[in-house]
PDB file of N, CA and C in Angstrom:
ATOM      1  N   UNK A   1     -55.868  -5.836  44.897  1.00  0.00           N
ATOM      2  CA  UNK A   1     -55.433  -5.969  46.140  1.00  0.00           C
ATOM      3  C   UNK A   1     -55.480  -7.587  46.867  1.00  0.00           C
ATOM      4  N   UNK A   2     -54.598  -8.090  47.464  1.00  0.00           N
ATOM      5  CA  UNK A   2     -54.690  -9.273  47.809  1.00  0.00           C
ATOM      6  C   UNK A   2     -55.366  -9.281  49.305  1.00  0.00           C
ATOM      7  N   UNK A   3     -55.934 -10.476  49.961  1.00  0.00           N
ATOM      8  CA  UNK A   3     -56.084 -10.460  51.397  1.00  0.00           C
ATOM      9  C   UNK A   3     -55.531 -10.150  52.148  1.00  0.00           C
ATOM     10  N   UNK A   4     -54.175 -10.534  52.286  1.00  0.00           N
ATOM     11  CA  UNK A   4     -53.054 -10.397  52.930  1.00  0.00           C
ATOM     12  C   UNK A   4     -52.248  -9.214  53.110  1.00  0.00           C
ATOM     13  N   UNK A   5     -52.812  -8.359  52.336  1.00  0.00           N
ATOM     14  CA  UNK A   5     -51.864  -6.861  51.785  1.00  0.00           C
ATOM     15  C   UNK A   5     -52.908  -5.899  52.933  1.00  0.00           C
ATOM     16  N   UNK A   6     -51.767  -5.161  53.612  1.00  0.00           N
ATOM     17  CA  UNK A   6     -52.944  -4.438  54.489  1.00  0.00           C
ATOM     18  C   UNK A   6     -53.270  -2.790  53.816  1.00  0.00           C
ATOM     19  N   UNK A   7     -52.688  -2.969  52.641  1.00  0.00           N
ATOM     20  CA  UNK A   7     -53.326  -1.859  51.910  1.00  0.00           C
ATOM     21  C   UNK A   7     -54.909  -1.368  52.052  1.00  0.00           C
ATOM     22  N   UNK A   8     -55.320  -0.457  52.218  1.00  0.00           N
ATOM     23  CA  UNK A   8     -56.601  -0.011  52.364  1.00  0.00           C
ATOM     24  C   UNK A   8     -56.875   1.074  51.384  1.00  0.00           C
ATOM     25  N   UNK A   9     -55.984   1.399  50.447  1.00  0.00           N
ATOM     26  CA  UNK A   9     -56.047   2.231  49.326  1.00  0.00           C
ATOM     27  C   UNK A   9     -56.091   3.855  49.218  1.00  0.00           C
ATOM     28  N   UNK A  10     -55.533   4.213  50.648  1.00  0.00           N
ATOM     29  CA  UNK A  10     -55.676   5.831  50.996  1.00  0.00           C
ATOM     30  C   UNK A  10     -54.584   6.545  50.324  1.00  0.00           C
ATOM     31  N   UNK A  11     -53.203   5.606  50.796  1.00  0.00           N
ATOM     32  CA  UNK A  11     -51.764   6.143  50.161  1.00  0.00           C
ATOM     33  C   UNK A  11     -51.606   7.632  50.339  1.00  0.00           C
ATOM     34  N   UNK A  12     -51.636   8.120  51.532  1.00  0.00           N
ATOM     35  CA  UNK A  12     -51.238   9.498  51.755  1.00  0.00           C
ATOM     36  C   UNK A  12     -50.273   9.582  52.912  1.00  0.00           C
ATOM     37  N   UNK A  13     -49.082  10.282  53.142  1.00  0.00           N
ATOM     38  CA  UNK A  13     -48.106  10.240  53.919  1.00  0.00           C
ATOM     39  C   UNK A  13     -48.083  11.175  54.812  1.00  0.00           C
ATOM     40  N   UNK A  14     -47.478  10.601  56.123  1.00  0.00           N
ATOM     41  CA  UNK A  14     -47.260  11.628  57.233  1.00  0.00           C
ATOM     42  C   UNK A  14     -45.986  12.048  57.162  1.00  0.00           C
ATOM     43  N   UNK A  15     -45.898  13.272  56.952  1.00  0.00           N
ATOM     44  CA  UNK A  15     -44.164  13.902  56.868  1.00  0.00           C
ATOM     45  C   UNK A  15     -43.536  13.683  57.858  1.00  0.00           C
ATOM     46  N   UNK A  16     -43.886  13.434  58.961  1.00  0.00           N
ATOM     47  CA  UNK A  16     -42.823  13.430  60.102  1.00  0.00           C
ATOM     48  C   UNK A  16     -42.486  11.901  60.366  1.00  0.00           C
ATOM     49  N   UNK A  17     -43.184  11.104  60.181  1.00  0.00           N
ATOM     50  CA  UNK A  17     -42.959   9.370  60.327  1.00  0.00           C
ATOM     51  C   UNK A  17     -42.753   8.824  58.867  1.00  0.00           C
ATOM     52  N   UNK A  18     -43.008   9.327  57.520  1.00  0.00           N
ATOM     53  CA  UNK A  18     -42.937   8.685  56.646  1.00  0.00           C
ATOM     54  C   UNK A  18     -44.062   7.320  56.601  1.00  0.00           C
ATOM     55  N   UNK A  19     -44.859   6.998  57.338  1.00  0.00           N
ATOM     56  CA  UNK A  19     -46.024   6.397  57.271  1.00  0.00           C
ATOM     57  C   UNK A  19     -47.263   6.601  56.536  1.00  0.00           C
ATOM     58  N   UNK A  20     -47.572   5.590  55.801  1.00  0.00           N
ATOM     59  CA  UNK A  20     -48.921   6.027  54.985  1.00  0.00           C
ATOM     60  C   UNK A  20     -50.275   6.259  56.171  1.00  0.00           C
ATOM     61  N   UNK A  21     -51.291   7.019  55.730  1.00  0.00           N
ATOM     62  CA  UNK A  21     -51.969   7.367  56.567  1.00  0.00           C
ATOM     63  C   UNK A  21     -52.925   6.352  56.544  1.00  0.00           C
ATOM     64  N   UNK A  22     -52.946   5.546  55.460  1.00  0.00           N
ATOM     65  CA  UNK A  22     -53.955   4.551  55.196  1.00  0.00           C
ATOM     66  C   UNK A  22     -53.395   3.051  56.121  1.00  0.00           C
ATOM     67  N   UNK A  23     -52.520   2.774  55.934  1.00  0.00           N
ATOM     68  CA  UNK A  23     -52.062   1.289  56.369  1.00  0.00           C
ATOM     69  C   UNK A  23     -51.031   1.611  57.101  1.00  0.00           C
ATOM     70  N   UNK A  24     -50.228   2.609  57.529  1.00  0.00           N
ATOM     71  CA  UNK A  24     -49.256   2.641  58.330  1.00  0.00           C
ATOM     72  C   UNK A  24     -47.969   2.263  58.146  1.00  0.00           C
ATOM     73  N   UNK A  25     -47.543   1.539  56.375  1.00  0.00           N
ATOM     74  CA  UNK A  25     -46.278   1.141  56.441  1.00  0.00           C
ATOM     75  C   UNK A  25     -45.303   2.504  55.690  1.00  0.00           C
ATOM     76  N   UNK A  26     -44.196   2.163  55.716  1.00  0.00           N
ATOM     77  CA  UNK A  26     -43.437   3.186  54.880  1.00  0.00           C
ATOM     78  C   UNK A  26     -43.127   2.909  53.474  1.00  0.00           C
ATOM     79  N   UNK A  27     -42.717   3.529  52.713  1.00  0.00           N
ATOM     80  CA  UNK A  27     -42.749   3.262  51.386  1.00  0.00           C
ATOM     81  C   UNK A  27     -41.811   1.970  51.241  1.00  0.00           C
ATOM     82  N   UNK A  28     -40.580   2.079  51.996  1.00  0.00           N
ATOM     83  CA  UNK A  28     -39.660   0.681  51.564  1.00  0.00           C
ATOM     84  C   UNK A  28     -40.281  -0.472  51.923  1.00  0.00           C
ATOM     85  N   UNK A  29     -41.129  -0.339  53.105  1.00  0.00           N
ATOM     86  CA  UNK A  29     -42.083  -1.633  53.439  1.00  0.00           C
ATOM     87  C   UNK A  29     -43.048  -2.118  52.247  1.00  0.00           C
ATOM     88  N   UNK A  30     -43.670  -0.938  51.869  1.00  0.00           N
ATOM     89  CA  UNK A  30     -44.859  -1.325  50.765  1.00  0.00           C
ATOM     90  C   UNK A  30     -43.796  -2.032  49.569  1.00  0.00           C
ATOM     91  N   UNK A  31     -42.757  -1.430  48.992  1.00  0.00           N
ATOM     92  CA  UNK A  31     -42.312  -2.232  48.090  1.00  0.00           C
ATOM     93  C   UNK A  31     -41.735  -3.633  48.566  1.00  0.00           C
ATOM     94  N   UNK A  32     -41.410  -3.761  49.441  1.00  0.00           N
ATOM     95  CA  UNK A  32     -40.606  -4.928  50.158  1.00  0.00           C
ATOM     96  C   UNK A  32     -41.659  -6.229  50.317  1.00  0.00           C
ATOM     97  N   UNK A  33     -43.165  -5.612  50.372  1.00  0.00           N
ATOM     98  CA  UNK A  33     -44.084  -6.645  51.455  1.00  0.00           C
ATOM     99  C   UNK A  33     -44.289  -8.165  50.612  1.00  0.00           C
ATOM    100  N   UNK A  34     -44.090  -8.061  49.344  1.00  0.00           N
ATOM    101  CA  UNK A  34     -44.100  -9.415  48.957  1.00  0.00           C
ATOM    102  C   UNK A  34     -43.024 -10.307  48.780  1.00  0.00           C
ATOM    103  N   UNK A  35     -41.794  -9.725  49.190  1.00  0.00           N
ATOM    104  CA  UNK A  35     -40.529 -10.494  49.314  1.00  0.00           C
ATOM    105  C   UNK A  35     -40.436 -10.944  50.681  1.00  0.00           C
ATOM    106  N   UNK A  36     -41.231 -10.172  51.716  1.00  0.00           N
ATOM    107  CA  UNK A  36     -41.088 -10.262  53.087  1.00  0.00           C
ATOM    108  C   UNK A  36     -41.345 -11.892  53.405  1.00  0.00           C
ATOM    109  N   UNK A  37     -40.774 -12.162  54.596  1.00  0.00           N
ATOM    110  CA  UNK A  37     -41.159 -13.287  55.162  1.00  0.00           C
ATOM    111  C   UNK A  37     -42.280 -13.472  55.785  1.00  0.00           C
ATOM    112  N   UNK A  38     -42.949 -14.753  56.127  1.00  0.00           N
ATOM    113  CA  UNK A  38     -44.137 -14.517  56.635  1.00  0.00           C
ATOM    114  C   UNK A  38     -44.163 -14.109  58.331  1.00  0.00           C
ATOM    115  N   UNK A  39     -43.017 -14.408  58.904  1.00  0.00           N
ATOM    116  CA  UNK A  39     -42.578 -14.024  60.194  1.00  0.00           C
ATOM    117  C   UNK A  39     -42.409 -12.483  60.100  1.00  0.00           C
ATOM    118  N   UNK A  40     -41.613 -11.888  59.066  1.00  0.00           N
ATOM    119  CA  UNK A  40     -41.682 -10.053  58.977  1.00  0.00           C
ATOM    120  C   UNK A  40     -42.838  -9.580  59.048  1.00  0.00           C
ATOM    121  N   UNK A  41     -43.741 -10.397  57.974  1.00  0.00           N
ATOM    122  CA  UNK A  41     -45.062  -9.379  57.843  1.00  0.00           C
ATOM    123  C   UNK A  41     -46.058  -9.596  58.973  1.00  0.00           C
ATOM    124  N   UNK A  42     -46.128 -10.671  59.513  1.00  0.00           N
ATOM    125  CA  UNK A  42     -46.971 -10.825  60.967  1.00  0.00           C
ATOM    126  C   UNK A  42     -46.657  -9.809  61.853  1.00  0.00           C
ATOM    127  N   UNK A  43     -44.913  -9.484  62.083  1.00  0.00           N
ATOM    128  CA  UNK A  43     -44.711  -8.873  62.909  1.00  0.00           C
ATOM    129  C   UNK A  43     -45.066  -7.387  62.508  1.00  0.00           C
ATOM    130  N   UNK A  44     -44.897  -6.881  61.139  1.00  0.00           N
ATOM    131  CA  UNK A  44     -45.377  -5.656  60.769  1.00  0.00           C
ATOM    132  C   UNK A  44     -46.881  -5.296  60.794  1.00  0.00           C
ATOM    133  N   UNK A  45     -47.400  -6.150  60.727  1.00  0.00           N
ATOM    134  CA  UNK A  45     -48.816  -5.998  60.502  1.00  0.00           C
ATOM    135  C   UNK A  45     -49.188  -5.969  62.105  1.00  0.00           C
ATOM    136  N   UNK A  46     -49.020  -6.441  63.092  1.00  0.00           N
ATOM    137  CA  UNK A  46     -49.015  -6.245  64.350  1.00  0.00           C
ATOM    138  C   UNK A  46     -48.712  -4.996  64.773  1.00  0.00           C
ATOM    139  N   UNK A  47     -47.827  -4.297  64.271  1.00  0.00           N
ATOM    140  CA  UNK A  47     -47.201  -2.873  64.765  1.00  0.00           C
ATOM    141  C   UNK A  47     -47.956  -1.712  64.112  1.00  0.00           C
ATOM    142  N   UNK A  48     -48.898  -2.089  63.019  1.00  0.00           N
ATOM    143  CA  UNK A  48     -49.524  -1.249  62.033  1.00  0.00           C
ATOM    144  C   UNK A  48     -50.670  -0.504  62.922  1.00  0.00           C
ATOM    145  N   UNK A  49     -51.516  -1.016  63.805  1.00  0.00           N
ATOM    146  CA  UNK A  49     -52.276  -0.507  64.613  1.00  0.00           C
ATOM    147  C   UNK A  49     -51.880   0.716  65.216  1.00  0.00           C
ATOM    148  N   UNK A  50     -50.817   0.535  65.857  1.00  0.00           N
ATOM    149  CA  UNK A  50     -50.061   1.508  66.939  1.00  0.00           C
ATOM    150  C   UNK A  50     -49.812   2.690  66.241  1.00  0.00           C
ATOM    151  N   UNK A  51     -49.124   2.459  64.863  1.00  0.00           N
ATOM    152  CA  UNK A  51     -48.476   3.329  64.191  1.00  0.00           C
ATOM    153  C   UNK A  51     -50.081   4.191  63.926  1.00  0.00           C
ATOM    154  N   UNK A  52     -50.963   3.840  63.307  1.00  0.00           N
ATOM    155  CA  UNK A  52     -51.929   4.611  62.870  1.00  0.00           C
ATOM    156  C   UNK A  52     -52.830   5.441  64.110  1.00  0.00           C
ATOM    157  N   UNK A  53     -52.649   4.972  65.315  1.00  0.00           N
ATOM    158  CA  UNK A  53     -53.149   5.436  66.147  1.00  0.00           C
ATOM    159  C   UNK A  53     -52.192   6.809  66.996  1.00  0.00           C
ATOM    160  N   UNK A  54     -51.010   6.396  66.626  1.00  0.00           N
ATOM    161  CA  UNK A  54     -49.903   7.442  66.927  1.00  0.00           C
ATOM    162  C   UNK A  54     -50.116   8.544  65.757  1.00  0.00           C
ATOM    163  N   UNK A  55     -50.492   8.458  64.793  1.00  0.00           N
ATOM    164  CA  UNK A  55     -50.595   9.364  63.356  1.00  0.00           C
ATOM    165  C   UNK A  55     -51.731  10.057  63.949  1.00  0.00           C
ATOM    166  N   UNK A  56     -53.000   9.289  64.376  1.00  0.00           N
ATOM    167  CA  UNK A  56     -53.912  10.103  64.821  1.00  0.00           C
ATOM    168  C   UNK A  56     -53.929  11.115  65.863  1.00  0.00           C
ATOM    169  N   UNK A  57     -53.213  10.633  66.845  1.00  0.00           N
ATOM    170  CA  UNK A  57     -53.128  11.480  68.140  1.00  0.00           C
ATOM    171  C   UNK A  57     -52.169  12.577  67.856  1.00  0.00           C
ATOM    172  N   UNK A  58     -51.312  12.517  66.927  1.00  0.00           N
ATOM    173  CA  UNK A  58     -50.473  13.825  66.747  1.00  0.00           C
ATOM    174  C   UNK A  58     -51.500  14.659  66.195  1.00  0.00           C
ATOM    175  N   UNK A  59     -52.215  14.097  64.954  1.00  0.00           N
ATOM    176  CA  UNK A  59     -53.086  15.033  64.116  1.00  0.00           C
ATOM    177  C   UNK A  59     -53.959  15.784  64.786  1.00  0.00           C
ATOM    178  N   UNK A  60     -54.582  14.936  66.128  1.00  0.00           N
ATOM    179  CA  UNK A  60     -55.686  15.204  66.962  1.00  0.00           C
ATOM    180  C   UNK A  60     -55.053  16.752  67.740  1.00  0.00           C
ATOM    181  N   UNK A  61     -53.808  16.145  68.118  1.00  0.00           N
ATOM    182  CA  UNK A  61     -52.996  17.510  69.144  1.00  0.00           C
ATOM    183  C   UNK A  61     -53.047  18.907  68.159  1.00  0.00           C
ATOM    184  N   UNK A  62     -52.630  19.056  66.939  1.00  0.00           N
ATOM    185  CA  UNK A  62     -52.024  19.649  65.971  1.00  0.00           C
ATOM    186  C   UNK A  62     -53.655  20.555  65.453  1.00  0.00           C
ATOM    187  N   UNK A  63     -54.711  19.821  65.957  1.00  0.00           N
ATOM    188  CA  UNK A  63     -55.595  20.635  65.534  1.00  0.00           C
ATOM    189  C   UNK A  63     -56.217  20.336  64.083  1.00  0.00           C
ATOM    190  N   UNK A  64     -57.588  20.560  63.717  1.00  0.00           N
ATOM    191  CA  UNK A  64     -58.135  20.391  62.463  1.00  0.00           C
ATOM    192  C   UNK A  64     -57.443  21.253  61.150  1.00  0.00           C
ATOM    193  N   UNK A  65     -56.815  22.227  61.337  1.00  0.00           N
ATOM    194  CA  UNK A  65     -56.421  22.851  60.467  1.00  0.00           C
ATOM    195  C   UNK A  65     -54.679  22.750  59.713  1.00  0.00           C
ATOM    196  N   UNK A  66     -54.387  21.755  60.902  1.00  0.00           N
ATOM    197  CA  UNK A  66     -52.873  21.682  60.726  1.00  0.00           C
ATOM    198  C   UNK A  66     -52.723  20.355  60.428  1.00  0.00           C
ATOM    199  N   UNK A  67     -53.237  19.300  59.775  1.00  0.00           N
ATOM    200  CA  UNK A  67     -53.005  17.993  59.407  1.00  0.00           C
ATOM    201  C   UNK A  67     -52.094  17.747  58.487  1.00  0.00           C
TER     202      UNK A  67
END
């Protein structure tokens, strides 16, 4: 793993959004990561914390047995 890659090695997917539960990216975003421009990478990395918070909030509302 490179230092500029947001992957944390979790690689599980939220079925509703398609986002990785670890890094927040979609499969197409993960595949395209090394071809993305620095601008696009920066924009995506800035959005990832929001995605992770959104997934966590939905899972918290669903309860522990419905994740």
